[in-house]
PDB file of all heavy atoms in Angstrom:
ATOM      1  N   TYR A   1      -6.369  -5.871   9.149  1.00  0.00           N
ATOM      2  CA  TYR A   1      -5.711  -6.904   9.991  1.00  0.00           C
ATOM      3  C   TYR A   1      -4.205  -6.978   9.435  1.00  0.00           C
ATOM      4  O   TYR A   1      -3.298  -6.990  10.217  1.00  0.00           O
ATOM      5  CB  TYR A   1      -6.341  -8.235   9.889  1.00  0.00           C
ATOM      6  CG  TYR A   1      -5.518  -9.461  10.275  1.00  0.00           C
ATOM      7  CD1 TYR A   1      -5.259  -9.632  11.576  1.00  0.00           C
ATOM      8  CD2 TYR A   1      -5.121 -10.332   9.365  1.00  0.00           C
ATOM      9  CE1 TYR A   1      -4.495 -10.703  11.955  1.00  0.00           C
ATOM     10  CE2 TYR A   1      -4.352 -11.414   9.678  1.00  0.00           C
ATOM     11  CZ  TYR A   1      -4.073 -11.631  11.012  1.00  0.00           C
ATOM     12  OH  TYR A   1      -3.294 -12.677  11.426  1.00  0.00           O
ATOM     13  N   LEU A   2      -4.009  -7.016   8.109  1.00  0.00           N
ATOM     14  CA  LEU A   2      -2.673  -7.096   7.590  1.00  0.00           C
ATOM     15  C   LEU A   2      -1.857  -5.884   7.948  1.00  0.00           C
ATOM     16  O   LEU A   2      -0.708  -5.943   8.274  1.00  0.00           O
ATOM     17  CB  LEU A   2      -2.775  -7.288   6.055  1.00  0.00           C
ATOM     18  CG  LEU A   2      -3.214  -8.643   5.531  1.00  0.00           C
ATOM     19  CD1 LEU A   2      -3.378  -8.515   4.016  1.00  0.00           C
ATOM     20  CD2 LEU A   2      -2.254  -9.726   5.880  1.00  0.00           C
ATOM     21  N   GLN A   3      -2.490  -4.673   7.869  1.00  0.00           N
ATOM     22  CA  GLN A   3      -1.786  -3.458   8.190  1.00  0.00           C
ATOM     23  C   GLN A   3      -1.368  -3.384   9.645  1.00  0.00           C
ATOM     24  O   GLN A   3      -0.273  -2.952   9.962  1.00  0.00           O
ATOM     25  CB  GLN A   3      -2.676  -2.222   7.899  1.00  0.00           C
ATOM     26  CG  GLN A   3      -2.971  -2.058   6.424  1.00  0.00           C
ATOM     27  CD  GLN A   3      -3.853  -0.858   6.259  1.00  0.00           C
ATOM     28  OE1 GLN A   3      -3.671   0.165   6.875  1.00  0.00           O
ATOM     29  NE2 GLN A   3      -4.797  -0.894   5.375  1.00  0.00           N
ATOM     30  N   ILE A   4      -2.121  -3.907  10.563  1.00  0.00           N
ATOM     31  CA  ILE A   4      -1.865  -3.814  11.985  1.00  0.00           C
ATOM     32  C   ILE A   4      -0.893  -4.828  12.472  1.00  0.00           C
ATOM     33  O   ILE A   4      -0.061  -4.548  13.183  1.00  0.00           O
ATOM     34  CB  ILE A   4      -3.175  -3.908  12.799  1.00  0.00           C
ATOM     35  CG1 ILE A   4      -4.085  -2.708  12.476  1.00  0.00           C
ATOM     36  CG2 ILE A   4      -2.952  -4.030  14.260  1.00  0.00           C
ATOM     37  CD1 ILE A   4      -5.480  -2.860  12.970  1.00  0.00           C
ATOM     38  N   LEU A   5      -0.963  -6.065  11.974  1.00  0.00           N
ATOM     39  CA  LEU A   5      -0.257  -7.142  12.542  1.00  0.00           C
ATOM     40  C   LEU A   5       1.003  -7.558  11.753  1.00  0.00           C
ATOM     41  O   LEU A   5       1.842  -8.322  12.266  1.00  0.00           O
ATOM     42  CB  LEU A   5      -1.089  -8.335  12.809  1.00  0.00           C
ATOM     43  CG  LEU A   5      -2.270  -8.063  13.838  1.00  0.00           C
ATOM     44  CD1 LEU A   5      -3.112  -9.423  13.960  1.00  0.00           C
ATOM     45  CD2 LEU A   5      -1.804  -7.657  15.187  1.00  0.00           C
ATOM     46  N   ARG A   6       1.207  -7.128  10.492  1.00  0.00           N
ATOM     47  CA  ARG A   6       2.279  -7.632   9.752  1.00  0.00           C
ATOM     48  C   ARG A   6       3.611  -7.190  10.370  1.00  0.00           C
ATOM     49  O   ARG A   6       3.714  -6.055  10.797  1.00  0.00           O
ATOM     50  CB  ARG A   6       2.209  -7.197   8.297  1.00  0.00           C
ATOM     51  CG  ARG A   6       2.357  -5.777   8.071  1.00  0.00           C
ATOM     52  CD  ARG A   6       2.071  -5.354   6.623  1.00  0.00           C
ATOM     53  NE  ARG A   6       2.301  -3.880   6.465  1.00  0.00           N
ATOM     54  CZ  ARG A   6       1.844  -3.112   5.555  1.00  0.00           C
ATOM     55  NH1 ARG A   6       0.980  -3.733   4.735  1.00  0.00           N
ATOM     56  NH2 ARG A   6       2.102  -1.941   5.384  1.00  0.00           N
ATOM     57  N   PRO A   7       4.602  -8.044  10.494  1.00  0.00           N
ATOM     58  CA  PRO A   7       5.854  -7.721  11.198  1.00  0.00           C
ATOM     59  C   PRO A   7       6.578  -6.577  10.533  1.00  0.00           C
ATOM     60  O   PRO A   7       7.279  -5.898  11.235  1.00  0.00           O
ATOM     61  CB  PRO A   7       6.629  -9.100  11.120  1.00  0.00           C
ATOM     62  CG  PRO A   7       5.614 -10.138  10.852  1.00  0.00           C
ATOM     63  CD  PRO A   7       4.571  -9.430  10.041  1.00  0.00           C
ATOM     64  N   GLU A   8       6.555  -6.521   9.167  1.00  0.00           N
ATOM     65  CA  GLU A   8       7.381  -5.524   8.511  1.00  0.00           C
ATOM     66  C   GLU A   8       6.717  -4.127   8.406  1.00  0.00           C
ATOM     67  O   GLU A   8       7.208  -3.247   7.735  1.00  0.00           O
ATOM     68  CB  GLU A   8       7.725  -6.022   7.096  1.00  0.00           C
ATOM     69  CG  GLU A   8       6.495  -6.039   6.155  1.00  0.00           C
ATOM     70  CD  GLU A   8       5.785  -7.345   6.210  1.00  0.00           C
ATOM     71  OE1 GLU A   8       5.855  -8.009   7.272  1.00  0.00           O
ATOM     72  OE2 GLU A   8       5.000  -7.702   5.236  1.00  0.00           O
ATOM     73  N   HIS A   9       5.553  -3.936   9.074  1.00  0.00           N
ATOM     74  CA  HIS A   9       4.879  -2.747   9.048  1.00  0.00           C
ATOM     75  C   HIS A   9       5.756  -1.598   9.619  1.00  0.00           C
ATOM     76  O   HIS A   9       6.289  -1.641  10.655  1.00  0.00           O
ATOM     77  CB  HIS A   9       3.588  -2.765   9.863  1.00  0.00           C
ATOM     78  CG  HIS A   9       2.883  -1.486  10.048  1.00  0.00           C
ATOM     79  ND1 HIS A   9       2.131  -0.940   9.042  1.00  0.00           N
ATOM     80  CD2 HIS A   9       2.821  -0.652  11.104  1.00  0.00           C
ATOM     81  CE1 HIS A   9       1.709   0.245   9.465  1.00  0.00           C
ATOM     82  NE2 HIS A   9       2.037   0.430  10.713  1.00  0.00           N
ATOM     83  N   THR A  10       5.785  -0.512   8.883  1.00  0.00           N
ATOM     84  CA  THR A  10       6.468   0.707   9.319  1.00  0.00           C
ATOM     85  C   THR A  10       5.604   1.929   8.893  1.00  0.00           C
ATOM     86  O   THR A  10       4.694   1.785   8.051  1.00  0.00           O
ATOM     87  CB  THR A  10       7.850   0.935   8.768  1.00  0.00           C
ATOM     88  OG1 THR A  10       7.775   1.106   7.311  1.00  0.00           O
ATOM     89  CG2 THR A  10       8.737  -0.283   9.063  1.00  0.00           C
ATOM     90  N   GLU A  11       5.925   3.081   9.464  1.00  0.00           N
ATOM     91  CA  GLU A  11       5.163   4.256   9.065  1.00  0.00           C
ATOM     92  C   GLU A  11       5.420   4.580   7.569  1.00  0.00           C
ATOM     93  O   GLU A  11       4.463   4.977   6.894  1.00  0.00           O
ATOM     94  CB  GLU A  11       5.579   5.468   9.920  1.00  0.00           C
ATOM     95  CG  GLU A  11       4.739   6.702   9.612  1.00  0.00           C
ATOM     96  CD  GLU A  11       5.210   7.943  10.371  1.00  0.00           C
ATOM     97  OE1 GLU A  11       6.214   7.889  11.033  1.00  0.00           O
ATOM     98  OE2 GLU A  11       4.550   8.968  10.167  1.00  0.00           O
ATOM     99  N   LEU A  12       6.684   4.381   7.110  1.00  0.00           N
ATOM    100  CA  LEU A  12       6.949   4.585   5.697  1.00  0.00           C
ATOM    101  C   LEU A  12       6.055   3.680   4.803  1.00  0.00           C
ATOM    102  O   LEU A  12       5.436   4.180   3.798  1.00  0.00           O
ATOM    103  CB  LEU A  12       8.405   4.358   5.359  1.00  0.00           C
ATOM    104  CG  LEU A  12       8.879   4.452   3.933  1.00  0.00           C
ATOM    105  CD1 LEU A  12       8.546   5.847   3.366  1.00  0.00           C
ATOM    106  CD2 LEU A  12      10.266   4.129   3.717  1.00  0.00           C
ATOM    107  N   GLU A  13       5.890   2.447   5.118  1.00  0.00           N
ATOM    108  CA  GLU A  13       5.138   1.523   4.313  1.00  0.00           C
ATOM    109  C   GLU A  13       3.605   1.816   4.387  1.00  0.00           C
ATOM    110  O   GLU A  13       2.912   1.767   3.386  1.00  0.00           O
ATOM    111  CB  GLU A  13       5.408   0.069   4.681  1.00  0.00           C
ATOM    112  CG  GLU A  13       6.822  -0.361   4.487  1.00  0.00           C
ATOM    113  CD  GLU A  13       7.351  -0.159   3.055  1.00  0.00           C
ATOM    114  OE1 GLU A  13       6.641  -0.519   2.058  1.00  0.00           O
ATOM    115  OE2 GLU A  13       8.428   0.409   2.967  1.00  0.00           O
ATOM    116  N   GLU A  14       3.210   2.285   5.556  1.00  0.00           N
ATOM    117  CA  GLU A  14       1.838   2.740   5.692  1.00  0.00           C
ATOM    118  C   GLU A  14       1.577   3.947   4.749  1.00  0.00           C
ATOM    119  O   GLU A  14       0.537   4.135   4.162  1.00  0.00           O
ATOM    120  CB  GLU A  14       1.487   2.995   7.099  1.00  0.00           C
ATOM    121  CG  GLU A  14       0.088   3.480   7.384  1.00  0.00           C
ATOM    122  CD  GLU A  14      -0.188   3.858   8.832  1.00  0.00           C
ATOM    123  OE1 GLU A  14      -0.508   2.898   9.625  1.00  0.00           O
ATOM    124  OE2 GLU A  14       0.043   4.976   9.187  1.00  0.00           O
ATOM    125  N   TYR A  15       2.590   4.893   4.829  1.00  0.00           N
ATOM    126  CA  TYR A  15       2.474   6.097   3.982  1.00  0.00           C
ATOM    127  C   TYR A  15       2.445   5.689   2.535  1.00  0.00           C
ATOM    128  O   TYR A  15       1.557   6.188   1.812  1.00  0.00           O
ATOM    129  CB  TYR A  15       3.674   6.960   4.241  1.00  0.00           C
ATOM    130  CG  TYR A  15       3.848   8.096   3.224  1.00  0.00           C
ATOM    131  CD1 TYR A  15       3.172   9.299   3.390  1.00  0.00           C
ATOM    132  CD2 TYR A  15       4.710   7.932   2.085  1.00  0.00           C
ATOM    133  CE1 TYR A  15       3.246  10.272   2.375  1.00  0.00           C
ATOM    134  CE2 TYR A  15       4.848   8.895   1.202  1.00  0.00           C
ATOM    135  CZ  TYR A  15       4.160  10.107   1.306  1.00  0.00           C
ATOM    136  OH  TYR A  15       4.284  11.086   0.401  1.00  0.00           O
ATOM    137  N   VAL A  16       3.197   4.788   2.013  1.00  0.00           N
ATOM    138  CA  VAL A  16       3.212   4.387   0.638  1.00  0.00           C
ATOM    139  C   VAL A  16       1.813   3.763   0.239  1.00  0.00           C
ATOM    140  O   VAL A  16       1.330   4.087  -0.810  1.00  0.00           O
ATOM    141  CB  VAL A  16       4.341   3.299   0.402  1.00  0.00           C
ATOM    142  CG1 VAL A  16       4.245   2.794  -0.985  1.00  0.00           C
ATOM    143  CG2 VAL A  16       5.753   4.010   0.554  1.00  0.00           C
ATOM    144  N   GLN A  17       1.259   2.990   1.136  1.00  0.00           N
ATOM    145  CA  GLN A  17      -0.021   2.468   0.947  1.00  0.00           C
ATOM    146  C   GLN A  17      -1.093   3.560   0.746  1.00  0.00           C
ATOM    147  O   GLN A  17      -1.902   3.522  -0.175  1.00  0.00           O
ATOM    148  CB  GLN A  17      -0.527   1.504   2.055  1.00  0.00           C
ATOM    149  CG  GLN A  17      -1.947   1.065   1.854  1.00  0.00           C
ATOM    150  CD  GLN A  17      -2.209  -0.304   2.350  1.00  0.00           C
ATOM    151  OE1 GLN A  17      -1.301  -1.187   2.597  1.00  0.00           O
ATOM    152  NE2 GLN A  17      -3.468  -0.615   2.522  1.00  0.00           N
ATOM    153  N   GLY A  18      -0.917   4.622   1.543  1.00  0.00           N
ATOM    154  CA  GLY A  18      -1.872   5.726   1.453  1.00  0.00           C
ATOM    155  C   GLY A  18      -1.691   6.547   0.163  1.00  0.00           C
ATOM    156  O   GLY A  18      -2.636   6.963  -0.471  1.00  0.00           O
ATOM    157  N   VAL A  19      -0.477   6.646  -0.352  1.00  0.00           N
ATOM    158  CA  VAL A  19      -0.166   7.337  -1.583  1.00  0.00           C
ATOM    159  C   VAL A  19      -0.769   6.541  -2.752  1.00  0.00           C
ATOM    160  O   VAL A  19      -1.369   7.091  -3.625  1.00  0.00           O
ATOM    161  CB  VAL A  19       1.309   7.622  -1.769  1.00  0.00           C
ATOM    162  CG1 VAL A  19       1.551   8.159  -3.181  1.00  0.00           C
ATOM    163  CG2 VAL A  19       1.814   8.598  -0.701  1.00  0.00           C
ATOM    164  N   VAL A  20      -0.457   5.246  -2.795  1.00  0.00           N
ATOM    165  CA  VAL A  20      -0.891   4.389  -3.890  1.00  0.00           C
ATOM    166  C   VAL A  20      -2.346   4.413  -3.946  1.00  0.00           C
ATOM    167  O   VAL A  20      -3.005   4.502  -5.090  1.00  0.00           O
ATOM    168  CB  VAL A  20      -0.351   3.000  -3.780  1.00  0.00           C
ATOM    169  CG1 VAL A  20      -0.922   2.101  -4.948  1.00  0.00           C
ATOM    170  CG2 VAL A  20       1.179   2.977  -3.849  1.00  0.00           C
ATOM    171  N   SER A  21      -3.031   4.394  -2.804  1.00  0.00           N
ATOM    172  CA  SER A  21      -4.497   4.333  -2.699  1.00  0.00           C
ATOM    173  C   SER A  21      -5.097   5.663  -3.258  1.00  0.00           C
ATOM    174  O   SER A  21      -6.124   5.632  -3.929  1.00  0.00           O
ATOM    175  CB  SER A  21      -4.941   4.216  -1.191  1.00  0.00           C
ATOM    176  OG  SER A  21      -4.504   2.983  -0.665  1.00  0.00           O
ATOM    177  N   ALA A  22      -4.336   6.718  -3.044  1.00  0.00           N
ATOM    178  CA  ALA A  22      -4.867   8.046  -3.590  1.00  0.00           C
ATOM    179  C   ALA A  22      -4.472   8.360  -5.021  1.00  0.00           C
ATOM    180  O   ALA A  22      -5.222   9.041  -5.746  1.00  0.00           O
ATOM    181  CB  ALA A  22      -4.337   9.208  -2.681  1.00  0.00           C
ATOM    182  N   GLU A  23      -3.351   7.808  -5.389  1.00  0.00           N
ATOM    183  CA  GLU A  23      -2.775   8.268  -6.733  1.00  0.00           C
ATOM    184  C   GLU A  23      -3.119   7.325  -7.869  1.00  0.00           C
ATOM    185  O   GLU A  23      -3.093   7.763  -9.038  1.00  0.00           O
ATOM    186  CB  GLU A  23      -1.215   8.328  -6.544  1.00  0.00           C
ATOM    187  CG  GLU A  23      -0.712   9.511  -5.754  1.00  0.00           C
ATOM    188  CD  GLU A  23      -0.715  10.793  -6.504  1.00  0.00           C
ATOM    189  OE1 GLU A  23      -1.266  10.824  -7.656  1.00  0.00           O
ATOM    190  OE2 GLU A  23      -0.194  11.817  -5.963  1.00  0.00           O
ATOM    191  N   MET A  24      -3.399   6.062  -7.648  1.00  0.00           N
ATOM    192  CA  MET A  24      -3.617   5.155  -8.772  1.00  0.00           C
ATOM    193  C   MET A  24      -4.902   4.325  -8.516  1.00  0.00           C
ATOM    194  O   MET A  24      -5.058   3.879  -7.442  1.00  0.00           O
ATOM    195  CB  MET A  24      -2.374   4.246  -8.988  1.00  0.00           C
ATOM    196  CG  MET A  24      -2.417   3.348 -10.100  1.00  0.00           C
ATOM    197  SD  MET A  24      -0.954   2.363 -10.426  1.00  0.00           S
ATOM    198  CE  MET A  24      -0.032   3.579 -11.419  1.00  0.00           C
ATOM    199  N   PRO A  25      -5.658   4.096  -9.615  1.00  0.00           N
ATOM    200  CA  PRO A  25      -6.842   3.205  -9.390  1.00  0.00           C
ATOM    201  C   PRO A  25      -6.465   1.889  -8.968  1.00  0.00           C
ATOM    202  O   PRO A  25      -5.497   1.221  -9.498  1.00  0.00           O
ATOM    203  CB  PRO A  25      -7.397   3.188 -10.856  1.00  0.00           C
ATOM    204  CG  PRO A  25      -7.006   4.464 -11.498  1.00  0.00           C
ATOM    205  CD  PRO A  25      -5.639   4.759 -10.884  1.00  0.00           C
ATOM    206  N   ALA A  26      -7.110   1.335  -7.920  1.00  0.00           N
ATOM    207  CA  ALA A  26      -6.725   0.065  -7.313  1.00  0.00           C
ATOM    208  C   ALA A  26      -6.909  -1.118  -8.233  1.00  0.00           C
ATOM    209  O   ALA A  26      -6.290  -2.205  -7.976  1.00  0.00           O
ATOM    210  CB  ALA A  26      -7.542  -0.098  -6.024  1.00  0.00           C
ATOM    211  N   LEU A  27      -7.672  -0.985  -9.245  1.00  0.00           N
ATOM    212  CA  LEU A  27      -7.900  -2.098 -10.171  1.00  0.00           C
ATOM    213  C   LEU A  27      -6.915  -2.064 -11.368  1.00  0.00           C
ATOM    214  O   LEU A  27      -7.028  -2.831 -12.317  1.00  0.00           O
ATOM    215  CB  LEU A  27      -9.343  -2.095 -10.742  1.00  0.00           C
ATOM    216  CG  LEU A  27     -10.398  -2.513  -9.743  1.00  0.00           C
ATOM    217  CD1 LEU A  27     -11.754  -2.416 -10.340  1.00  0.00           C
ATOM    218  CD2 LEU A  27     -10.119  -3.830  -9.178  1.00  0.00           C
ATOM    219  N   PHE A  28      -5.930  -1.144 -11.359  1.00  0.00           N
ATOM    220  CA  PHE A  28      -4.866  -1.242 -12.260  1.00  0.00           C
ATOM    221  C   PHE A  28      -4.090  -2.501 -12.171  1.00  0.00           C
ATOM    222  O   PHE A  28      -4.117  -3.113 -11.123  1.00  0.00           O
ATOM    223  CB  PHE A  28      -3.906  -0.013 -12.113  1.00  0.00           C
ATOM    224  CG  PHE A  28      -4.288   1.180 -12.941  1.00  0.00           C
ATOM    225  CD1 PHE A  28      -5.529   1.430 -13.445  1.00  0.00           C
ATOM    226  CD2 PHE A  28      -3.268   2.161 -13.219  1.00  0.00           C
ATOM    227  CE1 PHE A  28      -5.883   2.516 -14.134  1.00  0.00           C
ATOM    228  CE2 PHE A  28      -3.618   3.235 -14.021  1.00  0.00           C
ATOM    229  CZ  PHE A  28      -4.923   3.452 -14.477  1.00  0.00           C
ATOM    230  N   PRO A  29      -3.427  -2.973 -13.187  1.00  0.00           N
ATOM    231  CA  PRO A  29      -2.627  -4.235 -13.043  1.00  0.00           C
ATOM    232  C   PRO A  29      -1.671  -4.173 -11.902  1.00  0.00           C
ATOM    233  O   PRO A  29      -1.138  -3.122 -11.546  1.00  0.00           O
ATOM    234  CB  PRO A  29      -1.918  -4.314 -14.415  1.00  0.00           C
ATOM    235  CG  PRO A  29      -2.665  -3.458 -15.368  1.00  0.00           C
ATOM    236  CD  PRO A  29      -3.314  -2.373 -14.577  1.00  0.00           C
ATOM    237  N   MET A  30      -1.438  -5.368 -11.278  1.00  0.00           N
ATOM    238  CA  MET A  30      -0.541  -5.420 -10.092  1.00  0.00           C
ATOM    239  C   MET A  30       0.817  -4.869 -10.394  1.00  0.00           C
ATOM    240  O   MET A  30       1.362  -4.131  -9.463  1.00  0.00           O
ATOM    241  CB  MET A  30      -0.500  -6.831  -9.568  1.00  0.00           C
ATOM    242  CG  MET A  30       0.336  -7.042  -8.306  1.00  0.00           C
ATOM    243  SD  MET A  30      -0.333  -5.982  -6.919  1.00  0.00           S
ATOM    244  CE  MET A  30      -1.994  -6.647  -6.708  1.00  0.00           C
ATOM    245  N   GLU A  31       1.409  -5.031 -11.517  1.00  0.00           N
ATOM    246  CA  GLU A  31       2.714  -4.541 -11.733  1.00  0.00           C
ATOM    247  C   GLU A  31       2.749  -3.007 -11.872  1.00  0.00           C
ATOM    248  O   GLU A  31       3.765  -2.445 -11.493  1.00  0.00           O
ATOM    249  CB  GLU A  31       3.313  -5.246 -13.052  1.00  0.00           C
ATOM    250  CG  GLU A  31       3.553  -6.709 -12.913  1.00  0.00           C
ATOM    251  CD  GLU A  31       4.420  -7.096 -11.681  1.00  0.00           C
ATOM    252  OE1 GLU A  31       5.489  -6.487 -11.579  1.00  0.00           O
ATOM    253  OE2 GLU A  31       3.997  -7.955 -10.905  1.00  0.00           O
ATOM    254  N   ALA A  32       1.689  -2.447 -12.314  1.00  0.00           N
ATOM    255  CA  ALA A  32       1.585  -0.962 -12.279  1.00  0.00           C
ATOM    256  C   ALA A  32       1.439  -0.453 -10.931  1.00  0.00           C
ATOM    257  O   ALA A  32       2.095   0.579 -10.548  1.00  0.00           O
ATOM    258  CB  ALA A  32       0.383  -0.532 -13.186  1.00  0.00           C
ATOM    259  N   LEU A  33       0.684  -1.114 -10.019  1.00  0.00           N
ATOM    260  CA  LEU A  33       0.581  -0.728  -8.652  1.00  0.00           C
ATOM    261  C   LEU A  33       1.924  -0.830  -7.959  1.00  0.00           C
ATOM    262  O   LEU A  33       2.285   0.057  -7.151  1.00  0.00           O
ATOM    263  CB  LEU A  33      -0.465  -1.571  -7.960  1.00  0.00           C
ATOM    264  CG  LEU A  33      -1.935  -1.320  -8.390  1.00  0.00           C
ATOM    265  CD1 LEU A  33      -2.828  -2.453  -7.772  1.00  0.00           C
ATOM    266  CD2 LEU A  33      -2.455   0.024  -8.072  1.00  0.00           C
ATOM    267  N   LYS A  34       2.659  -1.874  -8.251  1.00  0.00           N
ATOM    268  CA  LYS A  34       3.981  -2.025  -7.715  1.00  0.00           C
ATOM    269  C   LYS A  34       4.907  -0.867  -8.102  1.00  0.00           C
ATOM    270  O   LYS A  34       5.674  -0.321  -7.364  1.00  0.00           O
ATOM    271  CB  LYS A  34       4.587  -3.347  -8.030  1.00  0.00           C
ATOM    272  CG  LYS A  34       3.947  -4.558  -7.391  1.00  0.00           C
ATOM    273  CD  LYS A  34       4.599  -5.832  -7.887  1.00  0.00           C
ATOM    274  CE  LYS A  34       3.963  -7.104  -7.374  1.00  0.00           C
ATOM    275  NZ  LYS A  34       4.604  -8.325  -7.841  1.00  0.00           N
TER     276      LYS A  34
END
């Protein structure tokens, strides 16, 4: 829902989400994910 309706959504930001999802464990600290 956040991905589809958020106003700032762009293809670049969707791409970044896909890279972070693939490259780094999601349970790493938030600052590492950032």
